[in-house]
């Protein structure tokens, strides 16, 4: 079972490594798991993609977002 903390940690790593391309990267990961019929992983990656977008937006606006 993936925790919210795990999802946020993954999102932070992706945001740091991929920058503004991070949400698209996470969305591609989600799609790959959907195509592989791994629904739990797909849902986790959809959540990660949304979290990466939040982190990128917070970074762009100069605020810090802690979870």
Protein backbone atom coordinates (compact mmCIF):
# COMPACT_ATOMS: atom_id res chain seq x y z
CA UNK A 1 0.00 0.00 0.00
CA UNK A 2 1.33 3.40 -1.00
CA UNK A 3 1.00 6.18 1.55
CA UNK A 4 0.42 9.87 0.87
CA UNK A 5 3.92 10.48 2.20
CA UNK A 6 5.32 8.06 -0.40
CA UNK A 7 3.38 9.81 -3.15
CA UNK A 8 4.63 13.26 -2.09
CA UNK A 9 8.22 12.03 -1.82
CA UNK A 10 8.01 10.59 -5.33
CA UNK A 11 6.44 13.81 -6.60
CA UNK A 12 9.27 15.87 -5.08
CA UNK A 13 11.91 13.70 -6.73
CA UNK A 14 10.19 13.96 -10.11
CA UNK A 15 9.77 17.73 -9.75
CA UNK A 16 13.47 18.09 -8.92
CA UNK A 17 14.64 15.83 -11.75
CA UNK A 18 12.18 16.80 -14.49
CA UNK A 19 11.17 20.35 -13.61
CA UNK A 20 8.27 21.65 -15.64
CA UNK A 21 8.22 18.40 -17.64
CA UNK A 22 7.50 16.49 -14.41
CA UNK A 23 3.70 16.40 -14.64
CA UNK A 24 3.86 15.08 -18.21
CA UNK A 25 6.41 12.45 -17.18
CA UNK A 26 4.20 11.26 -14.31
CA UNK A 27 1.16 11.24 -16.60
CA UNK A 28 3.04 9.01 -19.07
CA UNK A 29 3.89 6.68 -16.20
CA UNK A 30 0.21 6.59 -15.21
CA UNK A 31 -0.77 5.77 -18.79
CA UNK A 32 1.74 2.93 -18.97
CA UNK A 33 0.30 1.34 -15.83
CA UNK A 34 -3.26 1.82 -17.13
CA UNK A 35 -2.30 0.09 -20.36
CA UNK A 36 -0.74 -2.70 -18.32
CA UNK A 37 -3.99 -3.07 -16.38
CA UNK A 38 -2.30 -2.23 -13.09
CA UNK A 39 -5.06 -0.04 -11.71
CA UNK A 40 -3.58 0.64 -8.25
CA UNK A 41 -0.29 1.80 -9.76
CA UNK A 42 -2.17 3.84 -12.35
CA UNK A 43 -4.13 5.64 -9.63
CA UNK A 44 -0.95 6.27 -7.65
CA UNK A 45 0.75 7.83 -10.68
CA UNK A 46 -2.29 10.00 -11.44
CA UNK A 47 -2.00 11.28 -7.87
CA UNK A 48 1.75 11.80 -8.27
CA UNK A 49 1.22 13.76 -11.50
CA UNK A 50 -1.19 16.10 -9.71
CA UNK A 51 1.24 16.52 -6.81
CA UNK A 52 4.14 17.29 -9.15
CA UNK A 53 2.00 20.00 -10.77
CA UNK A 54 1.29 21.50 -7.34
CA UNK A 55 4.98 21.48 -6.46
CA UNK A 56 6.00 23.04 -9.77
CA UNK A 57 3.38 25.77 -9.43
CA UNK A 58 4.41 26.46 -5.83
CA UNK A 59 8.03 26.67 -6.93
CA UNK A 60 7.17 29.04 -9.76
CA UNK A 61 5.22 31.31 -7.43
CA UNK A 62 8.06 31.30 -4.90
CA UNK A 63 6.11 29.65 -2.11
CA UNK A 64 7.10 26.47 -0.35
CA UNK A 65 4.65 23.60 -0.17
CA UNK A 66 5.23 21.12 2.64
CA UNK A 67 3.61 17.71 3.00
